[in-house]
Amino acid sequence: MSQIVKPATVPPYRSRLTGAFGGGVLALFGLVLSMTIERAGAEEASRRLPAAATPAREPARLQSAVFAGGCFWGVQGVFQNVRGVTQAVSGYAGGDGASANYQAVSSGRTRHAEAVRVTYDPRVVSYDTLLRVFFSVALDPTLVDRQGPDHGPQYRSALFPGNAEQGAVARAYIAQLDASGGYGAPVATRIELGAPFYPAEAYHQDFMVLHPGHPYIVANDAAKVRNLKRFFPEFAAPAPALVGHDPA
């Protein structure tokens, strides 16, 4: 699946994978080196953050929440492996329906962020626990408009609360993280209210599960799921919750 790439501001091995291998030993060495550096960065950014001091109070029925933290392949992959999550769908949030497509969003001019809508059972996993997992292993929340090799407002760190309770819990947890100084820098994650969510194209869904050997996944996202299982074994699901069909 090396044809499936992110055409906007991507490293050479992601957009020209065939050429990298065809260029000889030097190109191959550069490919391996860049993957190793980015994978090490993903490992280093992860940590087991403390539980939220303000727990979510939610009804005992399925809820949904939207998270943005760079490329949605990795964010989806993390949440698909959290116990109590029934579905995690890659998509776009922050813009309008007319521009909610990959080609437009990749321009960085649509106000959209690549995002993931997580449907979960609060009797098994609460919204505040999802926040804890997200900030611990899914991204570096101190970065502005970038994650890993991806740059632009479409890769910003943002939360899109679905209701007032989620908004209050999210604000409280970000304040808690800032007060603790655990990251050594302020949390840059934005809270954006009232933004609709639009599912992404079918080929983006379940991407990490379907293409675990894709160079981008190996370099940037596989470590996130490993760290989920390493730091939060109590929250790790026995198998990923798959979209399994075109959600659009």
Protein backbone atom coordinates (compact mmCIF):
# COMPACT_ATOMS: atom_id res chain seq x y z
CA MET A 1 0.00 0.00 0.00
CA SER A 2 2.91 2.39 -0.58
CA GLN A 3 0.71 4.27 -3.07
CA ILE A 4 -1.41 5.56 -0.18
CA VAL A 5 0.49 8.60 1.02
CA LYS A 6 -0.11 12.01 2.55
CA PRO A 7 0.66 14.34 -0.35
CA ALA A 8 1.02 17.53 1.74
CA THR A 9 4.38 18.22 3.43
CA VAL A 10 5.51 14.63 3.82
CA PRO A 11 9.01 13.19 4.11
CA PRO A 12 10.49 11.77 0.88
CA TYR A 13 10.18 8.12 1.95
CA ARG A 14 6.44 8.58 2.33
CA SER A 15 5.68 10.27 -0.99
CA ARG A 16 8.39 8.64 -3.14
CA LEU A 17 8.83 5.24 -1.56
CA THR A 18 9.56 3.37 -4.79
CA GLY A 19 12.17 5.90 -5.83
CA ALA A 20 13.87 5.72 -2.45
CA PHE A 21 14.46 2.02 -2.82
CA GLY A 22 15.45 2.32 -6.46
CA GLY A 23 18.06 4.94 -5.67
CA GLY A 24 20.55 2.48 -4.19
CA VAL A 25 22.21 1.90 -0.86
CA LEU A 26 22.50 5.58 0.10
CA ALA A 27 18.78 6.20 -0.35
CA LEU A 28 17.94 3.05 1.57
CA PHE A 29 20.23 4.13 4.42
CA GLY A 30 18.49 7.53 4.55
CA LEU A 31 15.10 5.83 4.64
CA VAL A 32 16.07 3.57 7.53
CA LEU A 33 17.75 6.40 9.43
CA SER A 34 14.75 8.73 9.17
CA MET A 35 12.38 5.96 10.27
CA THR A 36 14.59 5.14 13.25
CA ILE A 37 14.79 8.78 14.39
CA GLU A 38 11.05 9.33 14.13
CA ARG A 39 10.25 6.03 15.85
CA ALA A 40 12.59 6.96 18.71
CA GLY A 41 10.85 10.33 18.99
CA ALA A 42 7.45 8.67 19.25
CA GLU A 43 8.71 6.38 22.00
CA GLU A 44 10.27 9.26 23.92
CA ALA A 45 7.16 11.46 23.81
CA SER A 46 4.97 8.86 25.52
CA ARG A 47 4.49 8.54 29.27
CA ARG A 48 1.96 7.35 31.84
CA LEU A 49 0.21 10.55 32.91
CA PRO A 50 -1.85 10.71 36.14
CA ALA A 51 -5.57 10.11 36.22
CA ALA A 52 -7.84 13.12 35.90
CA ALA A 53 -8.63 14.90 39.15
CA THR A 54 -12.04 15.81 37.65
CA PRO A 55 -13.75 12.59 36.54
CA ALA A 56 -16.44 12.63 33.86
CA ARG A 57 -20.03 12.13 34.92
CA GLU A 58 -21.69 10.39 32.00
CA PRO A 59 -24.93 8.48 31.40
CA ALA A 60 -24.65 4.70 31.16
CA ARG A 61 -25.04 4.55 27.40
CA LEU A 62 -22.71 4.86 24.40
CA GLN A 63 -21.04 8.25 24.08
CA SER A 64 -18.80 9.79 21.43
CA ALA A 65 -15.92 12.26 21.50
CA VAL A 66 -13.61 13.68 18.83
CA PHE A 67 -9.82 13.92 19.17
CA ALA A 68 -7.23 15.45 16.83
CA GLY A 69 -3.51 14.87 17.23
CA GLY A 70 -1.66 14.78 13.94
CA CYS A 71 -2.20 12.11 11.31
CA PHE A 72 -5.44 10.33 12.06
CA TRP A 73 -3.96 6.91 11.24
CA GLY A 74 -2.09 6.82 14.55
CA VAL A 75 -4.82 8.40 16.68
CA GLN A 76 -7.36 5.94 15.32
CA GLY A 77 -4.95 3.06 15.93
CA VAL A 78 -4.53 4.02 19.58
CA PHE A 79 -8.22 4.35 20.36
CA GLN A 80 -9.13 1.18 18.47
CA ASN A 81 -7.02 -0.66 21.03
CA VAL A 82 -8.66 0.84 24.14
CA ARG A 83 -11.00 -1.40 26.09
CA GLY A 84 -14.56 -0.05 26.01
CA VAL A 85 -14.17 1.72 22.65
CA THR A 86 -16.71 0.29 20.23
CA GLN A 87 -15.58 2.27 17.16
CA ALA A 88 -12.96 4.84 16.18
CA VAL A 89 -13.52 6.56 12.83
CA SER A 90 -10.95 8.71 11.04
CA GLY A 91 -12.28 11.97 9.65
CA TYR A 92 -12.21 15.74 9.62
CA ALA A 93 -13.39 18.32 12.16
CA GLY A 94 -13.29 22.11 12.33
CA GLY A 95 -14.40 23.03 8.82
CA ASP A 96 -17.48 22.62 6.66
CA GLY A 97 -18.91 19.68 4.77
CA ALA A 98 -17.94 20.97 1.34
CA SER A 99 -14.23 20.81 2.17
CA ALA A 100 -14.31 17.59 4.21
CA ASN A 101 -12.20 15.53 1.83
CA TYR A 102 -8.58 14.50 1.95
CA GLN A 103 -7.36 16.53 -1.01
CA ALA A 104 -8.87 19.77 0.32
CA VAL A 105 -7.88 19.22 3.96
CA SER A 106 -4.29 18.46 2.95
CA SER A 107 -3.98 22.03 1.63
CA GLY A 108 -4.15 23.30 5.22
CA ARG A 109 -6.70 25.96 4.21
CA THR A 110 -10.02 24.36 5.19
CA ARG A 111 -9.96 24.91 9.00
CA HIS A 112 -10.31 21.12 9.34
CA ALA A 113 -8.06 18.97 11.48
CA GLU A 114 -7.50 15.30 10.81
CA ALA A 115 -9.51 13.85 13.69
CA VAL A 116 -10.98 10.65 15.09
CA ARG A 117 -14.51 10.19 16.42
CA VAL A 118 -14.40 7.70 19.28
CA THR A 119 -17.54 5.88 20.34
CA TYR A 120 -17.21 4.33 23.78
CA ASP A 121 -19.09 2.70 26.63
CA PRO A 122 -18.65 4.89 29.75
CA ARG A 123 -19.45 1.85 31.91
CA VAL A 124 -16.11 0.46 30.72
CA VAL A 125 -14.00 3.52 29.90
CA SER A 126 -14.75 7.13 30.83
CA TYR A 127 -14.08 10.29 28.85
CA ASP A 128 -11.44 11.40 31.34
CA THR A 129 -9.64 8.06 30.86
CA LEU A 130 -9.70 8.58 27.10
CA LEU A 131 -8.12 12.00 27.66
CA ARG A 132 -5.44 10.40 29.83
CA VAL A 133 -4.61 7.85 27.14
CA PHE A 134 -4.66 10.48 24.39
CA PHE A 135 -2.25 12.83 26.13
CA SER A 136 -0.03 9.98 27.32
CA VAL A 137 0.61 8.05 24.11
CA ALA A 138 -1.19 9.47 21.04
CA LEU A 139 0.73 12.75 20.54
CA ASP A 140 3.05 15.38 21.90
CA PRO A 141 0.51 17.98 23.09
CA THR A 142 3.09 20.77 23.41
CA LEU A 143 3.54 21.05 19.63
CA VAL A 144 1.61 23.62 17.59
CA ASP A 145 0.25 22.66 14.18
CA ARG A 146 2.52 19.67 13.79
CA GLN A 147 3.14 16.09 14.90
CA GLY A 148 6.06 13.95 13.80
CA PRO A 149 6.90 14.68 10.16
CA ASP A 150 3.53 16.35 9.45
CA HIS A 151 3.17 20.14 9.53
CA GLY A 152 0.18 22.44 9.09
CA PRO A 153 -3.04 23.40 10.88
CA GLN A 154 -4.69 20.19 9.69
CA TYR A 155 -2.30 18.35 12.04
CA ARG A 156 -3.05 20.49 15.11
CA SER A 157 -3.77 19.05 18.52
CA ALA A 158 -7.42 19.69 19.38
CA LEU A 159 -10.38 18.35 21.31
CA PHE A 160 -13.92 18.70 19.98
CA PRO A 161 -16.23 18.17 22.98
CA GLY A 162 -19.63 16.75 22.18
CA ASN A 163 -21.29 18.28 25.23
CA ALA A 164 -20.72 20.63 28.16
CA GLU A 165 -19.53 17.84 30.46
CA GLN A 166 -16.77 16.78 28.05
CA GLY A 167 -15.74 20.40 27.61
CA ALA A 168 -15.45 20.98 31.36
CA VAL A 169 -13.50 17.75 31.93
CA ALA A 170 -11.16 18.52 29.04
CA ARG A 171 -10.40 22.03 30.30
CA ALA A 172 -9.81 20.71 33.82
CA TYR A 173 -7.43 17.98 32.64
CA ILE A 174 -5.38 20.35 30.48
CA ALA A 175 -5.10 22.72 33.45
CA GLN A 176 -4.04 19.77 35.62
CA LEU A 177 -1.32 18.78 33.14
CA ASP A 178 -0.05 22.33 32.89
CA ALA A 179 0.03 22.69 36.69
CA SER A 180 2.00 19.46 37.07
CA GLY A 181 4.67 20.58 34.61
CA GLY A 182 4.98 16.99 33.41
CA TYR A 183 5.73 18.00 29.82
CA GLY A 184 8.12 20.84 30.59
CA ALA A 185 6.09 23.11 28.29
CA PRO A 186 2.48 24.29 28.14
CA VAL A 187 -0.11 22.01 26.58
CA ALA A 188 -0.98 23.50 23.18
CA THR A 189 -4.08 21.37 22.62
CA ARG A 190 -7.05 23.51 21.64
CA ILE A 191 -10.65 22.98 22.72
CA GLU A 192 -12.95 23.70 19.78
CA LEU A 193 -16.67 23.76 20.45
CA GLY A 194 -19.51 23.09 18.05
CA ALA A 195 -17.44 21.62 15.23
CA PRO A 196 -19.18 18.88 13.22
CA PHE A 197 -17.31 15.69 12.34
CA TYR A 198 -17.12 14.22 8.84
CA PRO A 199 -15.85 10.66 8.24
CA ALA A 200 -12.81 10.35 6.00
CA GLU A 201 -12.56 8.27 2.87
CA ALA A 202 -12.83 4.49 3.22
CA TYR A 203 -9.14 3.84 2.45
CA HIS A 204 -8.13 5.77 5.58
CA GLN A 205 -10.21 3.61 7.91
CA ASP A 206 -8.46 0.89 9.97
CA PHE A 207 -5.24 1.90 8.20
CA MET A 208 -2.82 0.90 10.94
CA VAL A 209 -4.49 -2.48 11.42
CA LEU A 210 -4.63 -3.23 7.70
CA HIS A 211 -1.13 -1.94 6.85
CA PRO A 212 1.11 -2.48 9.90
CA GLY A 213 4.23 -2.64 7.71
CA HIS A 214 3.64 0.67 5.93
CA PRO A 215 6.78 2.79 6.47
CA TYR A 216 4.84 5.73 7.88
CA ILE A 217 3.10 3.46 10.42
CA VAL A 218 6.38 1.77 11.39
CA ALA A 219 8.16 5.09 11.84
CA ASN A 220 5.47 7.16 13.54
CA ASP A 221 2.49 5.21 14.83
CA ALA A 222 3.31 1.64 15.83
CA ALA A 223 5.12 2.89 18.95
CA LYS A 224 1.93 4.59 20.13
CA VAL A 225 0.05 1.31 20.37
CA ARG A 226 3.04 -0.39 21.95
CA ASN A 227 3.15 2.37 24.56
CA LEU A 228 -0.57 2.08 25.21
CA LYS A 229 -0.06 -1.58 26.09
CA ARG A 230 3.13 -0.80 28.00
CA PHE A 231 1.87 2.08 30.14
CA PHE A 232 -1.82 1.16 30.38
CA PRO A 233 -2.22 -2.61 30.18
CA GLU A 234 -5.41 -2.27 32.21
CA PHE A 235 -6.98 -0.21 29.42
CA ALA A 236 -5.74 -2.26 26.45
CA ALA A 237 -8.35 -4.21 24.49
CA PRO A 238 -7.73 -7.83 23.47
CA ALA A 239 -8.38 -6.91 19.82
CA PRO A 240 -8.84 -3.63 17.93
CA ALA A 241 -12.35 -2.30 17.30
CA LEU A 242 -12.56 -2.02 13.53
CA VAL A 243 -14.64 0.30 11.36
CA GLY A 244 -14.78 -2.47 8.80
CA HIS A 245 -16.80 -0.52 6.24
CA ASP A 246 -17.08 2.86 4.57
CA PRO A 247 -18.66 5.06 7.27
CA ALA A 248 -19.56 7.83 4.85
